[in-house]
Amino acid sequence: MKHNSDFRYDLEIGLTFETKLYELLGKKIEVKRDFKCLETGNIFVEYRSRCNPSGIATSEADYYCYWLSDYHFIMIEKDELKKLCRKYLNSNRDVLGGDSNTSKGILLPLTDFYK
């Protein structure tokens, strides 16, 4: 799959997969695509954007599904994901990111998902 930095395109793809997963599992799932994480070893978990709560702080999803490559996904309960992120608040893993670095989030190590 080609990389595309167009937010509208990413939103359309994410909504398509969220709908399919909801139909399959009956739970509200937020899908995030992060094809760089297999290279970096981290997933960016947004909690603030443009000085307002966003991402995991406002999501109504039951689960988060991280789409890591054409063949790799990680699914996790939102509350468990929040627990994993909290220990990194106000650390060197609490960073700016997203489009034009207007978001704040946690660089969560992939290894944290397997502990």
PDB file of N, CA and C in Angstrom:
ATOM      1  N   MET A   1       0.842  -1.177   0.000  1.00  0.00           N
ATOM      2  CA  MET A   1       0.000   0.000   0.000  1.00  0.00           C
ATOM      3  C   MET A   1       0.885   1.238   0.000  1.00  0.00           C
ATOM      4  N   LYS A   2       0.480   2.226  -0.773  1.00  0.00           N
ATOM      5  CA  LYS A   2       1.242   3.465  -0.865  1.00  0.00           C
ATOM      6  C   LYS A   2       1.012   4.336   0.358  1.00  0.00           C
ATOM      7  N   HIS A   3       2.040   5.119   0.708  1.00  0.00           N
ATOM      8  CA  HIS A   3       1.915   6.099   1.786  1.00  0.00           C
ATOM      9  C   HIS A   3       1.205   7.327   1.243  1.00  0.00           C
ATOM     10  N   ASN A   4       0.346   7.938   2.058  1.00  0.00           N
ATOM     11  CA  ASN A   4      -0.350   9.154   1.665  1.00  0.00           C
ATOM     12  C   ASN A   4      -0.475  10.021   2.900  1.00  0.00           C
ATOM     13  N   SER A   5      -0.047  11.285   2.807  1.00  0.00           N
ATOM     14  CA  SER A   5      -0.101  12.170   3.968  1.00  0.00           C
ATOM     15  C   SER A   5      -1.347  13.048   3.963  1.00  0.00           C
ATOM     16  N   ASP A   6      -2.313  12.757   3.099  1.00  0.00           N
ATOM     17  CA  ASP A   6      -3.555  13.522   3.016  1.00  0.00           C
ATOM     18  C   ASP A   6      -4.499  13.039   4.116  1.00  0.00           C
ATOM     19  N   PHE A   7      -4.849  13.928   5.050  1.00  0.00           N
ATOM     20  CA  PHE A   7      -5.694  13.547   6.186  1.00  0.00           C
ATOM     21  C   PHE A   7      -7.036  12.993   5.725  1.00  0.00           C
ATOM     22  N   ARG A   8      -7.640  13.600   4.704  1.00  0.00           N
ATOM     23  CA  ARG A   8      -8.965  13.126   4.239  1.00  0.00           C
ATOM     24  C   ARG A   8      -8.880  11.703   3.724  1.00  0.00           C
ATOM     25  N   TYR A   9      -7.809  11.382   3.020  1.00  0.00           N
ATOM     26  CA  TYR A   9      -7.610  10.025   2.526  1.00  0.00           C
ATOM     27  C   TYR A   9      -7.458   9.057   3.697  1.00  0.00           C
ATOM     28  N   ASP A  10      -6.602   9.420   4.648  1.00  0.00           N
ATOM     29  CA  ASP A  10      -6.392   8.571   5.824  1.00  0.00           C
ATOM     30  C   ASP A  10      -7.686   8.378   6.601  1.00  0.00           C
ATOM     31  N   LEU A  11      -8.480   9.440   6.736  1.00  0.00           N
ATOM     32  CA  LEU A  11      -9.753   9.344   7.447  1.00  0.00           C
ATOM     33  C   LEU A  11     -10.692   8.379   6.745  1.00  0.00           C
ATOM     34  N   GLU A  12     -10.781   8.475   5.430  1.00  0.00           N
ATOM     35  CA  GLU A  12     -11.656   7.588   4.659  1.00  0.00           C
ATOM     36  C   GLU A  12     -11.245   6.126   4.826  1.00  0.00           C
ATOM     37  N   ILE A  13      -9.945   5.854   4.736  1.00  0.00           N
ATOM     38  CA  ILE A  13      -9.442   4.485   4.911  1.00  0.00           C
ATOM     39  C   ILE A  13      -9.746   3.994   6.329  1.00  0.00           C
ATOM     40  N   GLY A  14      -9.457   4.828   7.329  1.00  0.00           N
ATOM     41  CA  GLY A  14      -9.708   4.453   8.721  1.00  0.00           C
ATOM     42  C   GLY A  14     -11.167   4.152   8.980  1.00  0.00           C
ATOM     43  N   LEU A  15     -12.067   4.990   8.481  1.00  0.00           N
ATOM     44  CA  LEU A  15     -13.502   4.782   8.691  1.00  0.00           C
ATOM     45  C   LEU A  15     -13.974   3.494   8.030  1.00  0.00           C
ATOM     46  N   THR A  16     -13.424   3.179   6.874  1.00  0.00           N
ATOM     47  CA  THR A  16     -13.780   1.938   6.189  1.00  0.00           C
ATOM     48  C   THR A  16     -13.429   0.736   7.052  1.00  0.00           C
ATOM     49  N   PHE A  17     -12.213   0.715   7.595  1.00  0.00           N
ATOM     50  CA  PHE A  17     -11.791  -0.409   8.427  1.00  0.00           C
ATOM     51  C   PHE A  17     -12.518  -0.423   9.773  1.00  0.00           C
ATOM     52  N   GLU A  18     -12.798   0.738  10.352  1.00  0.00           N
ATOM     53  CA  GLU A  18     -13.550   0.790  11.601  1.00  0.00           C
ATOM     54  C   GLU A  18     -14.929   0.175  11.411  1.00  0.00           C
ATOM     55  N   THR A  19     -15.572   0.482  10.301  1.00  0.00           N
ATOM     56  CA  THR A  19     -16.898  -0.067  10.020  1.00  0.00           C
ATOM     57  C   THR A  19     -16.832  -1.578   9.864  1.00  0.00           C
ATOM     58  N   LYS A  20     -15.846  -2.062   9.125  1.00  0.00           N
ATOM     59  CA  LYS A  20     -15.704  -3.510   8.936  1.00  0.00           C
ATOM     60  C   LYS A  20     -15.454  -4.224  10.260  1.00  0.00           C
ATOM     61  N   LEU A  21     -14.588  -3.654  11.093  1.00  0.00           N
ATOM     62  CA  LEU A  21     -14.304  -4.281  12.384  1.00  0.00           C
ATOM     63  C   LEU A  21     -15.522  -4.241  13.300  1.00  0.00           C
ATOM     64  N   TYR A  22     -16.274  -3.145  13.270  1.00  0.00           N
ATOM     65  CA  TYR A  22     -17.488  -3.067  14.092  1.00  0.00           C
ATOM     66  C   TYR A  22     -18.481  -4.145  13.665  1.00  0.00           C
ATOM     67  N   GLU A  23     -18.648  -4.301  12.357  1.00  0.00           N
ATOM     68  CA  GLU A  23     -19.564  -5.331  11.856  1.00  0.00           C
ATOM     69  C   GLU A  23     -19.108  -6.725  12.271  1.00  0.00           C
ATOM     70  N   LEU A  24     -17.810  -6.940  12.292  1.00  0.00           N
ATOM     71  CA  LEU A  24     -17.250  -8.236  12.641  1.00  0.00           C
ATOM     72  C   LEU A  24     -17.326  -8.518  14.141  1.00  0.00           C
ATOM     73  N   LEU A  25     -16.986  -7.528  14.968  1.00  0.00           N
ATOM     74  CA  LEU A  25     -16.829  -7.752  16.402  1.00  0.00           C
ATOM     75  C   LEU A  25     -17.940  -7.157  17.269  1.00  0.00           C
ATOM     76  N   GLY A  26     -18.703  -6.214  16.741  1.00  0.00           N
ATOM     77  CA  GLY A  26     -19.773  -5.593  17.519  1.00  0.00           C
ATOM     78  C   GLY A  26     -19.270  -4.625  18.574  1.00  0.00           C
ATOM     79  N   LYS A  27     -18.056  -4.132  18.432  1.00  0.00           N
ATOM     80  CA  LYS A  27     -17.471  -3.159  19.355  1.00  0.00           C
ATOM     81  C   LYS A  27     -17.008  -1.959  18.550  1.00  0.00           C
ATOM     82  N   LYS A  28     -17.042  -0.790  19.184  1.00  0.00           N
ATOM     83  CA  LYS A  28     -16.550   0.403  18.509  1.00  0.00           C
ATOM     84  C   LYS A  28     -15.028   0.408  18.576  1.00  0.00           C
ATOM     85  N   ILE A  29     -14.399   0.475  17.398  1.00  0.00           N
ATOM     86  CA  ILE A  29     -12.952   0.350  17.295  1.00  0.00           C
ATOM     87  C   ILE A  29     -12.404   1.531  16.509  1.00  0.00           C
ATOM     88  N   GLU A  30     -11.404   2.177  17.065  1.00  0.00           N
ATOM     89  CA  GLU A  30     -10.718   3.251  16.361  1.00  0.00           C
ATOM     90  C   GLU A  30      -9.500   2.657  15.685  1.00  0.00           C
ATOM     91  N   VAL A  31      -9.385   2.871  14.377  1.00  0.00           N
ATOM     92  CA  VAL A  31      -8.267   2.331  13.606  1.00  0.00           C
ATOM     93  C   VAL A  31      -7.262   3.443  13.337  1.00  0.00           C
ATOM     94  N   LYS A  32      -6.018   3.171  13.653  1.00  0.00           N
ATOM     95  CA  LYS A  32      -4.922   4.103  13.412  1.00  0.00           C
ATOM     96  C   LYS A  32      -3.893   3.405  12.544  1.00  0.00           C
ATOM     97  N   ARG A  33      -3.444   4.079  11.505  1.00  0.00           N
ATOM     98  CA  ARG A  33      -2.437   3.505  10.616  1.00  0.00           C
ATOM     99  C   ARG A  33      -1.090   4.130  10.933  1.00  0.00           C
ATOM    100  N   ASP A  34      -0.093   3.293  11.169  1.00  0.00           N
ATOM    101  CA  ASP A  34       1.249   3.778  11.491  1.00  0.00           C
ATOM    102  C   ASP A  34       2.263   2.827  10.872  1.00  0.00           C
ATOM    103  N   PHE A  35       2.544   3.021   9.583  1.00  0.00           N
ATOM    104  CA  PHE A  35       3.444   2.117   8.872  1.00  0.00           C
ATOM    105  C   PHE A  35       4.908   2.357   9.210  1.00  0.00           C
ATOM    106  N   LYS A  36       5.253   3.427   9.922  1.00  0.00           N
ATOM    107  CA  LYS A  36       6.637   3.677  10.313  1.00  0.00           C
ATOM    108  C   LYS A  36       7.009   2.971  11.605  1.00  0.00           C
ATOM    109  N   CYS A  37       6.030   2.525  12.368  1.00  0.00           N
ATOM    110  CA  CYS A  37       6.323   1.989  13.698  1.00  0.00           C
ATOM    111  C   CYS A  37       7.188   0.733  13.668  1.00  0.00           C
ATOM    112  N   LEU A  38       7.090  -0.068  12.623  1.00  0.00           N
ATOM    113  CA  LEU A  38       7.938  -1.257  12.566  1.00  0.00           C
ATOM    114  C   LEU A  38       9.407  -0.883  12.380  1.00  0.00           C
ATOM    115  N   GLU A  39       9.672   0.296  11.817  1.00  0.00           N
ATOM    116  CA  GLU A  39      11.039   0.805  11.696  1.00  0.00           C
ATOM    117  C   GLU A  39      11.490   1.483  12.987  1.00  0.00           C
ATOM    118  N   THR A  40      10.601   2.275  13.592  1.00  0.00           N
ATOM    119  CA  THR A  40      10.985   3.071  14.767  1.00  0.00           C
ATOM    120  C   THR A  40      10.836   2.313  16.074  1.00  0.00           C
ATOM    121  N   GLY A  41       9.948   1.320  16.105  1.00  0.00           N
ATOM    122  CA  GLY A  41       9.688   0.589  17.340  1.00  0.00           C
ATOM    123  C   GLY A  41       8.712   1.295  18.264  1.00  0.00           C
ATOM    124  N   ASN A  42       8.065   2.365  17.774  1.00  0.00           N
ATOM    125  CA  ASN A  42       7.129   3.154  18.589  1.00  0.00           C
ATOM    126  C   ASN A  42       5.833   3.426  17.839  1.00  0.00           C
ATOM    127  N   ILE A  43       4.770   3.576  18.603  1.00  0.00           N
ATOM    128  CA  ILE A  43       3.492   4.045  18.076  1.00  0.00           C
ATOM    129  C   ILE A  43       3.207   5.392  18.721  1.00  0.00           C
ATOM    130  N   PHE A  44       2.766   6.357  17.922  1.00  0.00           N
ATOM    131  CA  PHE A  44       2.401   7.672  18.436  1.00  0.00           C
ATOM    132  C   PHE A  44       0.936   7.632  18.856  1.00  0.00           C
ATOM    133  N   VAL A  45       0.669   7.856  20.143  1.00  0.00           N
ATOM    134  CA  VAL A  45      -0.692   7.849  20.680  1.00  0.00           C
ATOM    135  C   VAL A  45      -1.054   9.289  21.026  1.00  0.00           C
ATOM    136  N   GLU A  46      -1.854   9.900  20.172  1.00  0.00           N
ATOM    137  CA  GLU A  46      -2.235  11.307  20.352  1.00  0.00           C
ATOM    138  C   GLU A  46      -3.232  11.469  21.494  1.00  0.00           C
ATOM    139  N   TYR A  47      -3.032  12.546  22.283  1.00  0.00           N
ATOM    140  CA  TYR A  47      -4.007  12.878  23.323  1.00  0.00           C
ATOM    141  C   TYR A  47      -4.382  14.361  23.316  1.00  0.00           C
ATOM    142  N   ARG A  48      -3.704  15.152  22.490  1.00  0.00           N
ATOM    143  CA  ARG A  48      -3.984  16.587  22.432  1.00  0.00           C
ATOM    144  C   ARG A  48      -3.657  17.077  21.024  1.00  0.00           C
ATOM    145  N   SER A  49      -4.476  18.004  20.508  1.00  0.00           N
ATOM    146  CA  SER A  49      -4.203  18.595  19.211  1.00  0.00           C
ATOM    147  C   SER A  49      -4.665  20.043  19.194  1.00  0.00           C
ATOM    148  N   ARG A  50      -3.792  20.908  18.752  1.00  0.00           N
ATOM    149  CA  ARG A  50      -4.087  22.341  18.664  1.00  0.00           C
ATOM    150  C   ARG A  50      -4.645  22.871  19.994  1.00  0.00           C
ATOM    151  N   CYS A  51      -3.976  22.464  21.071  1.00  0.00           N
ATOM    152  CA  CYS A  51      -4.280  22.909  22.445  1.00  0.00           C
ATOM    153  C   CYS A  51      -5.607  22.391  22.999  1.00  0.00           C
ATOM    154  N   ASN A  52      -6.190  21.378  22.388  1.00  0.00           N
ATOM    155  CA  ASN A  52      -7.441  20.800  22.877  1.00  0.00           C
ATOM    156  C   ASN A  52      -7.293  19.298  23.057  1.00  0.00           C
ATOM    157  N   PRO A  53      -7.991  18.726  24.043  1.00  0.00           N
ATOM    158  CA  PRO A  53      -7.982  17.269  24.177  1.00  0.00           C
ATOM    159  C   PRO A  53      -8.431  16.622  22.865  1.00  0.00           C
ATOM    160  N   SER A  54      -7.797  15.534  22.505  1.00  0.00           N
ATOM    161  CA  SER A  54      -8.144  14.828  21.265  1.00  0.00           C
ATOM    162  C   SER A  54      -7.664  13.388  21.385  1.00  0.00           C
ATOM    163  N   GLY A  55      -7.788  12.666  20.312  1.00  0.00           N
ATOM    164  CA  GLY A  55      -7.271  11.299  20.268  1.00  0.00           C
ATOM    165  C   GLY A  55      -7.812  10.439  21.387  1.00  0.00           C
ATOM    166  N   ILE A  56      -6.907   9.777  22.084  1.00  0.00           N
ATOM    167  CA  ILE A  56      -7.295   8.840  23.125  1.00  0.00           C
ATOM    168  C   ILE A  56      -8.028   9.527  24.285  1.00  0.00           C
ATOM    169  N   ALA A  57      -7.804  10.822  24.470  1.00  0.00           N
ATOM    170  CA  ALA A  57      -8.462  11.560  25.559  1.00  0.00           C
ATOM    171  C   ALA A  57      -9.949  11.789  25.296  1.00  0.00           C
ATOM    172  N   THR A  58     -10.350  11.748  24.036  1.00  0.00           N
ATOM    173  CA  THR A  58     -11.754  12.031  23.701  1.00  0.00           C
ATOM    174  C   THR A  58     -12.452  10.898  22.960  1.00  0.00           C
ATOM    175  N   SER A  59     -11.724   9.872  22.594  1.00  0.00           N
ATOM    176  CA  SER A  59     -12.289   8.780  21.799  1.00  0.00           C
ATOM    177  C   SER A  59     -13.406   8.057  22.541  1.00  0.00           C
ATOM    178  N   GLU A  60     -14.446   7.709  21.807  1.00  0.00           N
ATOM    179  CA  GLU A  60     -15.551   6.924  22.365  1.00  0.00           C
ATOM    180  C   GLU A  60     -15.409   5.445  22.025  1.00  0.00           C
ATOM    181  N   ALA A  61     -14.293   5.073  21.424  1.00  0.00           N
ATOM    182  CA  ALA A  61     -14.060   3.690  21.028  1.00  0.00           C
ATOM    183  C   ALA A  61     -13.865   2.786  22.241  1.00  0.00           C
ATOM    184  N   ASP A  62     -14.196   1.524  22.063  1.00  0.00           N
ATOM    185  CA  ASP A  62     -13.929   0.506  23.079  1.00  0.00           C
ATOM    186  C   ASP A  62     -12.506  -0.033  22.927  1.00  0.00           C
ATOM    187  N   TYR A  63     -12.052  -0.092  21.686  1.00  0.00           N
ATOM    188  CA  TYR A  63     -10.747  -0.652  21.358  1.00  0.00           C
ATOM    189  C   TYR A  63     -10.026   0.260  20.374  1.00  0.00           C
ATOM    190  N   TYR A  64      -8.701   0.159  20.371  1.00  0.00           N
ATOM    191  CA  TYR A  64      -7.866   0.779  19.351  1.00  0.00           C
ATOM    192  C   TYR A  64      -7.242  -0.350  18.550  1.00  0.00           C
ATOM    193  N   CYS A  65      -7.226  -0.193  17.243  1.00  0.00           N
ATOM    194  CA  CYS A  65      -6.559  -1.143  16.364  1.00  0.00           C
ATOM    195  C   CYS A  65      -5.486  -0.375  15.615  1.00  0.00           C
ATOM    196  N   TYR A  66      -4.234  -0.756  15.834  1.00  0.00           N
ATOM    197  CA  TYR A  66      -3.132  -0.129  15.130  1.00  0.00           C
ATOM    198  C   TYR A  66      -2.776  -0.988  13.930  1.00  0.00           C
ATOM    199  N   TRP A  67      -2.867  -0.380  12.771  1.00  0.00           N
ATOM    200  CA  TRP A  67      -2.565  -1.020  11.501  1.00  0.00           C
ATOM    201  C   TRP A  67      -1.111  -0.718  11.208  1.00  0.00           C
ATOM    202  N   LEU A  68      -0.241  -1.715  11.357  1.00  0.00           N
ATOM    203  CA  LEU A  68       1.203  -1.518  11.327  1.00  0.00           C
ATOM    204  C   LEU A  68       1.837  -1.761   9.964  1.00  0.00           C
ATOM    205  N   SER A  69       1.195  -2.574   9.143  1.00  0.00           N
ATOM    206  CA  SER A  69       1.667  -2.862   7.785  1.00  0.00           C
ATOM    207  C   SER A  69       0.507  -3.535   7.058  1.00  0.00           C
ATOM    208  N   ASP A  70       0.745  -3.916   5.837  1.00  0.00           N
ATOM    209  CA  ASP A  70      -0.322  -4.602   5.106  1.00  0.00           C
ATOM    210  C   ASP A  70      -0.755  -5.896   5.802  1.00  0.00           C
ATOM    211  N   TYR A  71       0.111  -6.459   6.653  1.00  0.00           N
ATOM    212  CA  TYR A  71      -0.158  -7.765   7.256  1.00  0.00           C
ATOM    213  C   TYR A  71      -0.149  -7.791   8.775  1.00  0.00           C
ATOM    214  N   HIS A  72       0.069  -6.646   9.440  1.00  0.00           N
ATOM    215  CA  HIS A  72       0.210  -6.623  10.899  1.00  0.00           C
ATOM    216  C   HIS A  72      -0.740  -5.621  11.532  1.00  0.00           C
ATOM    217  N   PHE A  73      -1.436  -6.094  12.555  1.00  0.00           N
ATOM    218  CA  PHE A  73      -2.342  -5.263  13.336  1.00  0.00           C
ATOM    219  C   PHE A  73      -2.137  -5.567  14.812  1.00  0.00           C
ATOM    220  N   ILE A  74      -2.382  -4.570  15.655  1.00  0.00           N
ATOM    221  CA  ILE A  74      -2.431  -4.780  17.104  1.00  0.00           C
ATOM    222  C   ILE A  74      -3.756  -4.198  17.570  1.00  0.00           C
ATOM    223  N   MET A  75      -4.510  -4.971  18.341  1.00  0.00           N
ATOM    224  CA  MET A  75      -5.751  -4.469  18.905  1.00  0.00           C
ATOM    225  C   MET A  75      -5.635  -4.486  20.421  1.00  0.00           C
ATOM    226  N   ILE A  76      -6.121  -3.397  21.039  1.00  0.00           N
ATOM    227  CA  ILE A  76      -6.008  -3.260  22.484  1.00  0.00           C
ATOM    228  C   ILE A  76      -7.204  -2.483  23.014  1.00  0.00           C
ATOM    229  N   GLU A  77      -7.681  -2.848  24.205  1.00  0.00           N
ATOM    230  CA  GLU A  77      -8.753  -2.081  24.841  1.00  0.00           C
ATOM    231  C   GLU A  77      -8.259  -0.672  25.112  1.00  0.00           C
ATOM    232  N   LYS A  78      -9.125   0.307  24.880  1.00  0.00           N
ATOM    233  CA  LYS A  78      -8.728   1.706  25.058  1.00  0.00           C
ATOM    234  C   LYS A  78      -8.236   1.975  26.475  1.00  0.00           C
ATOM    235  N   ASP A  79      -8.910   1.456  27.478  1.00  0.00           N
ATOM    236  CA  ASP A  79      -8.498   1.714  28.861  1.00  0.00           C
ATOM    237  C   ASP A  79      -7.112   1.129  29.150  1.00  0.00           C
ATOM    238  N   GLU A  80      -6.812  -0.025  28.565  1.00  0.00           N
ATOM    239  CA  GLU A  80      -5.486  -0.619  28.742  1.00  0.00           C
ATOM    240  C   GLU A  80      -4.431   0.218  28.034  1.00  0.00           C
ATOM    241  N   LEU A  81      -4.754   0.737  26.863  1.00  0.00           N
ATOM    242  CA  LEU A  81      -3.831   1.609  26.138  1.00  0.00           C
ATOM    243  C   LEU A  81      -3.537   2.870  26.946  1.00  0.00           C
ATOM    244  N   LYS A  82      -4.561   3.426  27.580  1.00  0.00           N
ATOM    245  CA  LYS A  82      -4.361   4.612  28.426  1.00  0.00           C
ATOM    246  C   LYS A  82      -3.401   4.306  29.569  1.00  0.00           C
ATOM    247  N   LYS A  83      -3.546   3.132  30.187  1.00  0.00           N
ATOM    248  CA  LYS A  83      -2.643   2.738  31.276  1.00  0.00           C
ATOM    249  C   LYS A  83      -1.197   2.661  30.791  1.00  0.00           C
ATOM    250  N   LEU A  84      -1.004   2.062  29.607  1.00  0.00           N
ATOM    251  CA  LEU A  84       0.345   1.948  29.062  1.00  0.00           C
ATOM    252  C   LEU A  84       0.959   3.324  28.813  1.00  0.00           C
ATOM    253  N   CYS A  85       0.143   4.271  28.377  1.00  0.00           N
ATOM    254  CA  CYS A  85       0.646   5.610  28.043  1.00  0.00           C
ATOM    255  C   CYS A  85       0.915   6.474  29.271  1.00  0.00           C
ATOM    256  N   ARG A  86       0.128   6.315  30.321  1.00  0.00           N
ATOM    257  CA  ARG A  86       0.241   7.205  31.489  1.00  0.00           C
ATOM    258  C   ARG A  86       1.642   7.250  32.085  1.00  0.00           C
ATOM    259  N   LYS A  87       2.338   6.130  32.084  1.00  0.00           N
ATOM    260  CA  LYS A  87       3.665   6.119  32.707  1.00  0.00           C
ATOM    261  C   LYS A  87       4.672   6.971  31.942  1.00  0.00           C
ATOM    262  N   TYR A  88       4.341   7.365  30.713  1.00  0.00           N
ATOM    263  CA  TYR A  88       5.254   8.179  29.906  1.00  0.00           C
ATOM    264  C   TYR A  88       4.875   9.663  29.867  1.00  0.00           C
ATOM    265  N   LEU A  89       3.771  10.043  30.515  1.00  0.00           N
ATOM    266  CA  LEU A  89       3.404  11.457  30.554  1.00  0.00           C
ATOM    267  C   LEU A  89       4.529  12.263  31.191  1.00  0.00           C
ATOM    268  N   ASN A  90       4.813  13.407  30.632  1.00  0.00           N
ATOM    269  CA  ASN A  90       5.857  14.317  31.121  1.00  0.00           C
ATOM    270  C   ASN A  90       7.255  13.683  31.122  1.00  0.00           C
ATOM    271  N   SER A  91       7.483  12.749  30.209  1.00  0.00           N
ATOM    272  CA  SER A  91       8.812  12.159  30.050  1.00  0.00           C
ATOM    273  C   SER A  91       9.327  12.532  28.656  1.00  0.00           C
ATOM    274  N   ASN A  92      10.476  11.993  28.296  1.00  0.00           N
ATOM    275  CA  ASN A  92      11.006  12.265  26.961  1.00  0.00           C
ATOM    276  C   ASN A  92      10.212  11.556  25.868  1.00  0.00           C
ATOM    277  N   ARG A  93       9.247  10.735  26.238  1.00  0.00           N
ATOM    278  CA  ARG A  93       8.360  10.069  25.269  1.00  0.00           C
ATOM    279  C   ARG A  93       7.050  10.834  25.074  1.00  0.00           C
ATOM    280  N   ASP A  94       6.863  11.919  25.781  1.00  0.00           N
ATOM    281  CA  ASP A  94       5.689  12.797  25.659  1.00  0.00           C
ATOM    282  C   ASP A  94       6.103  13.908  24.689  1.00  0.00           C
ATOM    283  N   VAL A  95       5.727  13.771  23.405  1.00  0.00           N
ATOM    284  CA  VAL A  95       6.322  14.592  22.350  1.00  0.00           C
ATOM    285  C   VAL A  95       5.278  15.255  21.451  1.00  0.00           C
ATOM    286  N   LEU A  96       5.754  16.218  20.680  1.00  0.00           N
ATOM    287  CA  LEU A  96       4.952  16.820  19.619  1.00  0.00           C
ATOM    288  C   LEU A  96       4.999  15.910  18.404  1.00  0.00           C
ATOM    289  N   GLY A  97       3.916  15.898  17.626  1.00  0.00           N
ATOM    290  CA  GLY A  97       3.892  15.077  16.418  1.00  0.00           C
ATOM    291  C   GLY A  97       2.675  15.404  15.581  1.00  0.00           C
ATOM    292  N   GLY A  98       2.360  14.506  14.678  1.00  0.00           N
ATOM    293  CA  GLY A  98       1.218  14.720  13.802  1.00  0.00           C
ATOM    294  C   GLY A  98       1.519  15.755  12.735  1.00  0.00           C
ATOM    295  N   ASP A  99       0.478  16.180  12.029  1.00  0.00           N
ATOM    296  CA  ASP A  99       0.628  17.160  10.966  1.00  0.00           C
ATOM    297  C   ASP A  99       1.179  18.464  11.518  1.00  0.00           C
ATOM    298  N   SER A 100       2.302  18.888  11.001  1.00  0.00           N
ATOM    299  CA  SER A 100       2.961  20.142  11.387  1.00  0.00           C
ATOM    300  C   SER A 100       3.262  20.230  12.881  1.00  0.00           C
ATOM    301  N   ASN A 101       3.422  19.089  13.541  1.00  0.00           N
ATOM    302  CA  ASN A 101       3.716  19.035  14.982  1.00  0.00           C
ATOM    303  C   ASN A 101       2.706  19.818  15.816  1.00  0.00           C
ATOM    304  N   THR A 102       1.434  19.748  15.440  1.00  0.00           N
ATOM    305  CA  THR A 102       0.387  20.455  16.185  1.00  0.00           C
ATOM    306  C   THR A 102      -0.299  19.552  17.206  1.00  0.00           C
ATOM    307  N   SER A 103       0.153  18.321  17.299  1.00  0.00           N
ATOM    308  CA  SER A 103      -0.443  17.378  18.250  1.00  0.00           C
ATOM    309  C   SER A 103       0.562  17.009  19.323  1.00  0.00           C
ATOM    310  N   LYS A 104       0.054  16.532  20.427  1.00  0.00           N
ATOM    311  CA  LYS A 104       0.878  16.055  21.534  1.00  0.00           C
ATOM    312  C   LYS A 104       0.497  14.597  21.741  1.00  0.00           C
ATOM    313  N   GLY A 105       1.491  13.767  21.987  1.00  0.00           N
ATOM    314  CA  GLY A 105       1.203  12.357  22.177  1.00  0.00           C
ATOM    315  C   GLY A 105       2.357  11.623  22.823  1.00  0.00           C
ATOM    316  N   ILE A 106       2.114  10.368  23.055  1.00  0.00           N
ATOM    317  CA  ILE A 106       3.097   9.486  23.679  1.00  0.00           C
ATOM    318  C   ILE A 106       3.703   8.591  22.612  1.00  0.00           C
ATOM    319  N   LEU A 107       5.034   8.514  22.576  1.00  0.00           N
ATOM    320  CA  LEU A 107       5.727   7.531  21.746  1.00  0.00           C
ATOM    321  C   LEU A 107       5.775   6.239  22.551  1.00  0.00           C
ATOM    322  N   LEU A 108       4.819   5.387  22.294  1.00  0.00           N
ATOM    323  CA  LEU A 108       4.678   4.144  23.049  1.00  0.00           C
ATOM    324  C   LEU A 108       5.486   3.037  22.374  1.00  0.00           C
ATOM    325  N   PRO A 109       6.453   2.445  23.099  1.00  0.00           N
ATOM    326  CA  PRO A 109       7.246   1.360  22.509  1.00  0.00           C
ATOM    327  C   PRO A 109       6.363   0.158  22.171  1.00  0.00           C
ATOM    328  N   LEU A 110       6.566  -0.421  21.002  1.00  0.00           N
ATOM    329  CA  LEU A 110       5.816  -1.618  20.630  1.00  0.00           C
ATOM    330  C   LEU A 110       5.981  -2.730  21.661  1.00  0.00           C
ATOM    331  N   THR A 111       7.145  -2.793  22.286  1.00  0.00           N
ATOM    332  CA  THR A 111       7.389  -3.847  23.274  1.00  0.00           C
ATOM    333  C   THR A 111       6.436  -3.756  24.456  1.00  0.00           C
ATOM    334  N   ASP A 112       5.895  -2.565  24.746  1.00  0.00           N
ATOM    335  CA  ASP A 112       4.934  -2.427  25.846  1.00  0.00           C
ATOM    336  C   ASP A 112       3.655  -3.214  25.598  1.00  0.00           C
ATOM    337  N   PHE A 113       3.323  -3.457  24.355  1.00  0.00           N
ATOM    338  CA  PHE A 113       2.117  -4.219  24.030  1.00  0.00           C
ATOM    339  C   PHE A 113       2.253  -5.690  24.382  1.00  0.00           C
ATOM    340  N   TYR A 114       3.479  -6.161  24.518  1.00  0.00           N
ATOM    341  CA  TYR A 114       3.725  -7.585  24.742  1.00  0.00           C
ATOM    342  C   TYR A 114       4.075  -7.944  26.162  1.00  0.00           C
ATOM    343  N   LYS A 115       4.038  -6.980  27.068  1.00  0.00           N
ATOM    344  CA  LYS A 115       4.399  -7.248  28.457  1.00  0.00           C
ATOM    345  C   LYS A 115       3.212  -7.738  29.232  1.00  0.00           C
TER     346      LYS A 115
END
